[in-house]
């Protein structure tokens, strides 16, 4: 068996194994979280804690939704894509530092654009237009 064949087999195996391991780890994490919540509830009930305190302690944690996460991700990916186009025009190889520089710079530029847009949108939300009020 040639070394190139072994590299191909290894690449395919890792491509299949990584998602499987990620799914297994997230399932284990979810099971452990549910187990901890159940133990907490049992301990609160056994200690005769009042119902209001139980509600406060056991209440589901509402994840704070980030309404700008899609904007941020889109700007970063757009910047990385533009950087990749520039890298392609520069005729550099992927093993060269100058291939990755425009991509990283594009991602930084995307983050900067995202920050500016987020700042303007939150400023508009905090300070409504006085002419809109009756």
N, C-alpha and C. Protein backbone atom coordinates (compact mmCIF):
# COMPACT_ATOMS: atom_id res chain seq x y z
N UNK A 1 0.85 -1.18 0.00
CA UNK A 1 0.00 0.00 0.00
C UNK A 1 0.89 1.24 0.00
N UNK A 2 0.57 2.16 -0.87
CA UNK A 2 1.35 3.39 -1.04
C UNK A 2 0.96 4.41 0.03
N UNK A 3 1.85 5.33 0.31
CA UNK A 3 1.60 6.36 1.32
C UNK A 3 0.45 7.27 0.91
N UNK A 4 0.30 7.53 -0.40
CA UNK A 4 -0.81 8.37 -0.88
C UNK A 4 -2.15 7.68 -0.64
N UNK A 5 -2.19 6.36 -0.83
CA UNK A 5 -3.43 5.62 -0.57
C UNK A 5 -3.79 5.66 0.91
N UNK A 6 -2.78 5.54 1.75
CA UNK A 6 -3.01 5.58 3.18
C UNK A 6 -3.52 6.95 3.61
N UNK A 7 -2.98 8.01 3.01
CA UNK A 7 -3.44 9.37 3.33
C UNK A 7 -4.89 9.55 2.92
N UNK A 8 -5.28 8.99 1.78
CA UNK A 8 -6.67 9.10 1.33
C UNK A 8 -7.61 8.36 2.25
N UNK A 9 -7.23 7.17 2.66
CA UNK A 9 -8.05 6.38 3.58
C UNK A 9 -8.18 7.10 4.91
N UNK A 10 -7.08 7.65 5.39
CA UNK A 10 -7.09 8.39 6.66
C UNK A 10 -7.98 9.63 6.56
N UNK A 11 -7.92 10.33 5.45
CA UNK A 11 -8.75 11.52 5.27
C UNK A 11 -10.24 11.16 5.28
N UNK A 12 -10.60 10.10 4.59
CA UNK A 12 -12.00 9.67 4.56
C UNK A 12 -12.45 9.23 5.95
N UNK A 13 -11.60 8.47 6.64
CA UNK A 13 -11.95 7.98 7.98
C UNK A 13 -12.17 9.15 8.94
N UNK A 14 -11.27 10.12 8.92
CA UNK A 14 -11.42 11.27 9.82
C UNK A 14 -12.64 12.11 9.46
N UNK A 15 -12.92 12.21 8.17
CA UNK A 15 -14.10 12.96 7.74
C UNK A 15 -15.38 12.32 8.28
N UNK A 16 -15.40 11.02 8.36
CA UNK A 16 -16.58 10.34 8.88
C UNK A 16 -16.60 10.29 10.40
N UNK A 17 -15.45 10.21 11.04
CA UNK A 17 -15.38 10.05 12.48
C UNK A 17 -15.66 11.36 13.22
N UNK A 18 -15.21 12.49 12.71
CA UNK A 18 -15.35 13.76 13.42
C UNK A 18 -16.81 14.12 13.71
N UNK A 19 -17.73 14.06 12.73
CA UNK A 19 -19.13 14.37 13.07
C UNK A 19 -19.74 13.38 14.05
N UNK A 20 -19.36 12.11 13.93
CA UNK A 20 -19.90 11.11 14.84
C UNK A 20 -19.46 11.40 16.27
N UNK A 21 -18.20 11.74 16.46
CA UNK A 21 -17.69 12.07 17.80
C UNK A 21 -18.37 13.33 18.32
N UNK A 22 -18.59 14.33 17.46
CA UNK A 22 -19.26 15.56 17.89
C UNK A 22 -20.69 15.28 18.36
N UNK A 23 -21.40 14.43 17.64
CA UNK A 23 -22.77 14.09 18.02
C UNK A 23 -22.80 13.34 19.35
N UNK A 24 -21.88 12.40 19.51
CA UNK A 24 -21.82 11.62 20.75
C UNK A 24 -21.50 12.53 21.94
N UNK A 25 -20.54 13.44 21.76
CA UNK A 25 -20.16 14.35 22.86
C UNK A 25 -21.30 15.29 23.23
N UNK A 26 -22.04 15.79 22.24
CA UNK A 26 -23.16 16.68 22.56
C UNK A 26 -24.28 15.91 23.25
N UNK A 27 -24.49 14.65 22.87
CA UNK A 27 -25.51 13.85 23.54
C UNK A 27 -25.12 13.58 24.99
N UNK A 28 -23.87 13.25 25.23
CA UNK A 28 -23.40 13.02 26.60
C UNK A 28 -23.54 14.29 27.43
N UNK A 29 -23.20 15.42 26.85
CA UNK A 29 -23.32 16.70 27.55
C UNK A 29 -24.78 16.99 27.90
N UNK A 30 -25.67 16.75 26.98
CA UNK A 30 -27.09 16.98 27.22
C UNK A 30 -27.63 16.06 28.31
N UNK A 31 -27.23 14.81 28.28
CA UNK A 31 -27.67 13.85 29.31
C UNK A 31 -27.16 14.27 30.68
N UNK A 32 -25.90 14.68 30.77
CA UNK A 32 -25.34 15.12 32.05
C UNK A 32 -26.04 16.37 32.57
N UNK A 33 -26.41 17.28 31.67
CA UNK A 33 -27.12 18.50 32.09
C UNK A 33 -28.48 18.15 32.67
N UNK A 34 -29.21 17.26 31.99
CA UNK A 34 -30.52 16.84 32.50
C UNK A 34 -30.39 16.13 33.85
N UNK A 35 -29.33 15.33 34.00
CA UNK A 35 -29.11 14.62 35.26
C UNK A 35 -28.85 15.60 36.40
N UNK A 36 -28.04 16.63 36.15
CA UNK A 36 -27.76 17.64 37.18
C UNK A 36 -29.01 18.41 37.55
N UNK A 37 -29.85 18.74 36.56
CA UNK A 37 -31.09 19.45 36.85
C UNK A 37 -32.03 18.59 37.70
N UNK A 38 -32.10 17.30 37.39
CA UNK A 38 -32.95 16.40 38.16
C UNK A 38 -32.46 16.28 39.59
N UNK A 39 -31.16 16.14 39.78
CA UNK A 39 -30.60 16.06 41.13
C UNK A 39 -30.86 17.33 41.92
N UNK A 40 -30.77 18.49 41.25
CA UNK A 40 -31.05 19.76 41.92
C UNK A 40 -32.51 19.82 42.37
N UNK A 41 -33.40 19.41 41.50
CA UNK A 41 -34.82 19.43 41.85
C UNK A 41 -35.13 18.49 43.02
N UNK A 42 -34.53 17.30 42.99
CA UNK A 42 -34.74 16.35 44.09
C UNK A 42 -34.21 16.91 45.40
N UNK A 43 -33.02 17.54 45.36
CA UNK A 43 -32.44 18.11 46.58
C UNK A 43 -33.31 19.24 47.12
N UNK A 44 -33.87 20.05 46.24
CA UNK A 44 -34.73 21.14 46.69
C UNK A 44 -36.02 20.62 47.32
N UNK A 45 -36.57 19.56 46.73
CA UNK A 45 -37.80 19.00 47.27
C UNK A 45 -37.53 18.32 48.61
N UNK A 46 -36.41 17.60 48.71
CA UNK A 46 -36.09 16.91 49.96
C UNK A 46 -35.80 17.88 51.09
N UNK A 47 -35.30 19.05 50.81
CA UNK A 47 -34.98 20.04 51.84
C UNK A 47 -36.17 20.94 52.15
N UNK A 48 -37.34 20.62 51.58
CA UNK A 48 -38.57 21.36 51.84
C UNK A 48 -38.40 22.86 51.55
N UNK A 49 -37.85 23.14 50.40
CA UNK A 49 -37.70 24.53 49.98
C UNK A 49 -39.04 25.05 49.51
N UNK A 50 -39.31 26.34 49.77
CA UNK A 50 -40.59 26.89 49.37
C UNK A 50 -40.70 26.96 47.83
N UNK A 51 -41.93 26.86 47.33
CA UNK A 51 -42.13 26.78 45.87
C UNK A 51 -41.59 27.98 45.08
N UNK A 52 -41.63 29.17 45.67
CA UNK A 52 -41.13 30.34 44.96
C UNK A 52 -39.62 30.26 44.73
N UNK A 53 -38.90 29.79 45.73
CA UNK A 53 -37.45 29.62 45.60
C UNK A 53 -37.12 28.54 44.58
N UNK A 54 -37.90 27.49 44.57
CA UNK A 54 -37.68 26.41 43.59
C UNK A 54 -37.88 26.95 42.18
N UNK A 55 -38.92 27.74 41.98
CA UNK A 55 -39.16 28.31 40.65
C UNK A 55 -37.99 29.17 40.21
N UNK A 56 -37.45 29.96 41.13
CA UNK A 56 -36.32 30.82 40.76
C UNK A 56 -35.06 30.02 40.45
N UNK A 57 -34.82 28.95 41.21
CA UNK A 57 -33.61 28.17 41.02
C UNK A 57 -33.69 27.21 39.83
N UNK A 58 -34.87 26.66 39.57
CA UNK A 58 -35.00 25.63 38.55
C UNK A 58 -35.47 26.20 37.22
N UNK A 59 -35.91 27.44 37.22
CA UNK A 59 -36.45 28.04 36.01
C UNK A 59 -35.45 27.92 34.86
N UNK A 60 -35.96 27.57 33.70
CA UNK A 60 -35.12 27.40 32.52
C UNK A 60 -34.39 28.71 32.22
N UNK A 61 -33.12 28.56 31.95
CA UNK A 61 -32.33 29.73 31.59
C UNK A 61 -32.64 30.09 30.14
N UNK A 62 -33.20 31.24 29.94
CA UNK A 62 -33.49 31.69 28.59
C UNK A 62 -32.20 32.21 27.96
N UNK A 63 -31.83 31.58 26.86
CA UNK A 63 -30.62 32.03 26.19
C UNK A 63 -30.91 33.37 25.55
N UNK A 64 -29.98 34.28 25.76
CA UNK A 64 -30.14 35.61 25.21
C UNK A 64 -29.91 35.52 23.70
N UNK A 65 -30.93 35.86 22.96
CA UNK A 65 -30.78 35.76 21.52
C UNK A 65 -29.99 36.96 21.01
N UNK A 66 -29.03 36.67 20.20
CA UNK A 66 -28.21 37.71 19.62
C UNK A 66 -28.74 37.99 18.22
N UNK A 67 -29.42 39.10 18.07
CA UNK A 67 -30.07 39.36 16.79
C UNK A 67 -29.07 39.75 15.70
N UNK A 68 -27.82 39.96 16.07
CA UNK A 68 -26.83 40.33 15.08
C UNK A 68 -25.89 39.19 14.72
N UNK A 69 -26.13 37.99 15.20
CA UNK A 69 -25.20 36.90 14.94
C UNK A 69 -25.15 36.55 13.45
N UNK A 70 -26.27 36.56 12.78
CA UNK A 70 -26.28 36.25 11.35
C UNK A 70 -25.57 37.35 10.55
N UNK A 71 -25.78 38.58 10.94
CA UNK A 71 -25.10 39.69 10.27
C UNK A 71 -23.60 39.57 10.44
N UNK A 72 -23.17 39.29 11.66
CA UNK A 72 -21.75 39.16 11.95
C UNK A 72 -21.11 38.02 11.15
N UNK A 73 -21.77 36.87 11.17
CA UNK A 73 -21.25 35.72 10.43
C UNK A 73 -21.23 35.97 8.93
N UNK A 74 -22.27 36.60 8.42
CA UNK A 74 -22.32 36.90 6.99
C UNK A 74 -21.24 37.86 6.56
N UNK A 75 -20.99 38.89 7.36
CA UNK A 75 -19.94 39.85 7.02
C UNK A 75 -18.56 39.21 7.07
N UNK A 76 -18.34 38.34 8.05
CA UNK A 76 -17.05 37.66 8.15
C UNK A 76 -16.84 36.74 6.96
N UNK A 77 -17.87 35.97 6.60
CA UNK A 77 -17.74 35.07 5.46
C UNK A 77 -17.58 35.83 4.15
N UNK A 78 -18.30 36.94 4.00
CA UNK A 78 -18.16 37.76 2.80
C UNK A 78 -16.74 38.32 2.70
N UNK A 79 -16.21 38.79 3.83
CA UNK A 79 -14.83 39.29 3.83
C UNK A 79 -13.82 38.20 3.52
N UNK A 80 -14.05 36.99 4.07
CA UNK A 80 -13.14 35.87 3.78
C UNK A 80 -13.22 35.50 2.31
N UNK A 81 -14.41 35.52 1.74
CA UNK A 81 -14.56 35.21 0.31
C UNK A 81 -13.87 36.22 -0.57
N UNK A 82 -14.02 37.50 -0.23
CA UNK A 82 -13.32 38.53 -1.01
C UNK A 82 -11.81 38.38 -0.87
N UNK A 83 -11.35 38.05 0.32
CA UNK A 83 -9.92 37.81 0.52
C UNK A 83 -9.43 36.61 -0.27
N UNK A 84 -10.26 35.57 -0.37
CA UNK A 84 -9.89 34.39 -1.16
C UNK A 84 -9.81 34.72 -2.64
N UNK A 85 -10.71 35.58 -3.11
CA UNK A 85 -10.66 36.00 -4.51
C UNK A 85 -9.37 36.76 -4.78
N UNK A 86 -9.02 37.65 -3.87
CA UNK A 86 -7.76 38.40 -4.03
C UNK A 86 -6.57 37.46 -3.99
N UNK A 87 -6.61 36.47 -3.11
CA UNK A 87 -5.51 35.50 -3.03
C UNK A 87 -5.41 34.70 -4.32
N UNK A 88 -6.55 34.38 -4.92
CA UNK A 88 -6.54 33.65 -6.19
C UNK A 88 -5.94 34.46 -7.31
N UNK A 89 -6.18 35.76 -7.30
CA UNK A 89 -5.60 36.61 -8.33
C UNK A 89 -4.10 36.76 -8.16
N UNK A 90 -3.62 36.60 -6.92
CA UNK A 90 -2.20 36.82 -6.64
C UNK A 90 -1.34 35.62 -7.05
N UNK A 91 -1.94 34.52 -7.47
CA UNK A 91 -1.21 33.32 -7.90
C UNK A 91 -0.23 32.83 -6.85
N UNK A 92 -0.70 32.71 -5.61
CA UNK A 92 0.14 32.15 -4.55
C UNK A 92 -0.37 30.76 -4.20
N UNK A 93 0.46 29.96 -3.61
CA UNK A 93 0.07 28.61 -3.20
C UNK A 93 -0.51 28.66 -1.79
N UNK A 94 -1.37 27.71 -1.43
CA UNK A 94 -1.97 27.72 -0.09
C UNK A 94 -0.96 27.53 1.04
N UNK A 95 0.24 27.07 0.72
CA UNK A 95 1.25 26.88 1.76
C UNK A 95 2.07 28.13 1.98
N UNK A 96 1.73 29.18 1.29
CA UNK A 96 2.46 30.44 1.38
C UNK A 96 1.69 31.40 2.32
N UNK A 97 2.42 32.17 3.09
CA UNK A 97 1.80 33.12 4.01
C UNK A 97 0.99 34.16 3.25
N UNK A 98 1.45 34.55 2.09
CA UNK A 98 0.77 35.60 1.33
C UNK A 98 -0.56 35.13 0.75
N UNK A 99 -0.81 33.84 0.76
CA UNK A 99 -2.12 33.32 0.37
C UNK A 99 -3.15 33.60 1.46
N UNK A 100 -2.77 33.45 2.72
CA UNK A 100 -3.70 33.57 3.83
C UNK A 100 -3.87 35.00 4.30
N UNK A 101 -2.92 35.89 4.04
CA UNK A 101 -3.01 37.27 4.50
C UNK A 101 -4.26 38.00 4.00
N UNK A 102 -4.58 37.97 2.70
CA UNK A 102 -5.80 38.66 2.26
C UNK A 102 -7.07 38.05 2.85
N UNK A 103 -7.07 36.74 3.08
CA UNK A 103 -8.26 36.11 3.66
C UNK A 103 -8.47 36.59 5.08
N UNK A 104 -7.41 36.61 5.87
CA UNK A 104 -7.51 37.08 7.26
C UNK A 104 -7.85 38.57 7.29
N UNK A 105 -7.25 39.35 6.41
CA UNK A 105 -7.55 40.77 6.35
C UNK A 105 -9.01 40.99 5.95
N UNK A 106 -9.51 40.18 5.02
CA UNK A 106 -10.91 40.28 4.61
C UNK A 106 -11.85 39.95 5.75
N UNK A 107 -11.49 38.95 6.56
CA UNK A 107 -12.31 38.60 7.72
C UNK A 107 -12.32 39.75 8.73
N UNK A 108 -11.17 40.36 8.94
CA UNK A 108 -11.10 41.50 9.84
C UNK A 108 -11.93 42.66 9.33
N UNK A 109 -11.87 42.88 8.03
CA UNK A 109 -12.67 43.95 7.43
C UNK A 109 -14.16 43.64 7.58
N UNK A 110 -14.54 42.37 7.43
CA UNK A 110 -15.93 41.97 7.63
C UNK A 110 -16.39 42.21 9.06
N UNK A 111 -15.52 41.92 10.03
CA UNK A 111 -15.85 42.18 11.44
C UNK A 111 -16.03 43.67 11.69
N UNK A 112 -15.18 44.47 11.08
CA UNK A 112 -15.27 45.92 11.23
C UNK A 112 -16.58 46.44 10.65
N UNK A 113 -16.95 45.98 9.47
CA UNK A 113 -18.21 46.39 8.84
C UNK A 113 -19.38 45.97 9.71
N UNK A 114 -19.33 44.74 10.23
CA UNK A 114 -20.39 44.24 11.11
C UNK A 114 -20.52 45.11 12.36
N UNK A 115 -19.39 45.49 12.94
CA UNK A 115 -19.41 46.33 14.13
C UNK A 115 -20.06 47.68 13.84
N UNK A 116 -19.71 48.27 12.71
CA UNK A 116 -20.27 49.59 12.36
C UNK A 116 -21.78 49.47 12.16
N UNK A 117 -22.22 48.44 11.45
CA UNK A 117 -23.66 48.27 11.20
C UNK A 117 -24.40 48.01 12.51
N UNK A 118 -23.84 47.14 13.37
CA UNK A 118 -24.48 46.85 14.67
C UNK A 118 -24.59 48.11 15.51
N UNK A 119 -23.53 48.90 15.55
CA UNK A 119 -23.53 50.13 16.34
C UNK A 119 -24.60 51.09 15.85
N UNK A 120 -24.70 51.26 14.55
CA UNK A 120 -25.71 52.18 14.00
C UNK A 120 -27.12 51.66 14.26
N UNK A 121 -27.31 50.35 14.14
CA UNK A 121 -28.65 49.82 14.36
C UNK A 121 -29.06 49.90 15.83
N UNK A 122 -28.13 49.65 16.75
CA UNK A 122 -28.49 49.75 18.17
C UNK A 122 -28.68 51.20 18.57
N UNK A 123 -27.93 52.10 17.97
CA UNK A 123 -28.11 53.52 18.27
C UNK A 123 -29.48 53.99 17.80
N UNK A 124 -29.92 53.51 16.64
CA UNK A 124 -31.25 53.85 16.14
C UNK A 124 -32.34 53.27 17.02
N UNK A 125 -32.11 52.07 17.59
CA UNK A 125 -33.10 51.45 18.47
C UNK A 125 -33.20 52.19 19.80
N UNK A 126 -32.08 52.71 20.30
CA UNK A 126 -32.07 53.38 21.60
C UNK A 126 -32.60 54.80 21.51
N UNK A 127 -32.38 55.47 20.41
CA UNK A 127 -32.81 56.87 20.23
C UNK A 127 -33.80 56.93 19.08
N UNK A 128 -35.09 56.76 19.39
CA UNK A 128 -36.07 56.82 18.31
C UNK A 128 -36.17 58.24 17.75
N UNK A 129 -36.62 58.30 16.53
CA UNK A 129 -36.75 59.58 15.85
C UNK A 129 -37.86 60.40 16.50
N UNK A 130 -37.55 61.63 16.95
CA UNK A 130 -38.58 62.43 17.64
C UNK A 130 -39.74 62.82 16.74
N UNK A 131 -39.55 62.82 15.44
CA UNK A 131 -40.65 63.21 14.55
C UNK A 131 -41.68 62.09 14.42
N UNK A 132 -41.31 60.85 14.82
CA UNK A 132 -42.25 59.72 14.72
C UNK A 132 -43.27 59.74 15.84
N UNK A 133 -43.01 60.46 16.93
CA UNK A 133 -43.91 60.46 18.08
C UNK A 133 -45.08 61.40 17.83
N UNK A 134 -46.30 61.01 18.32
CA UNK A 134 -47.49 61.87 18.09
C UNK A 134 -47.49 63.09 18.96
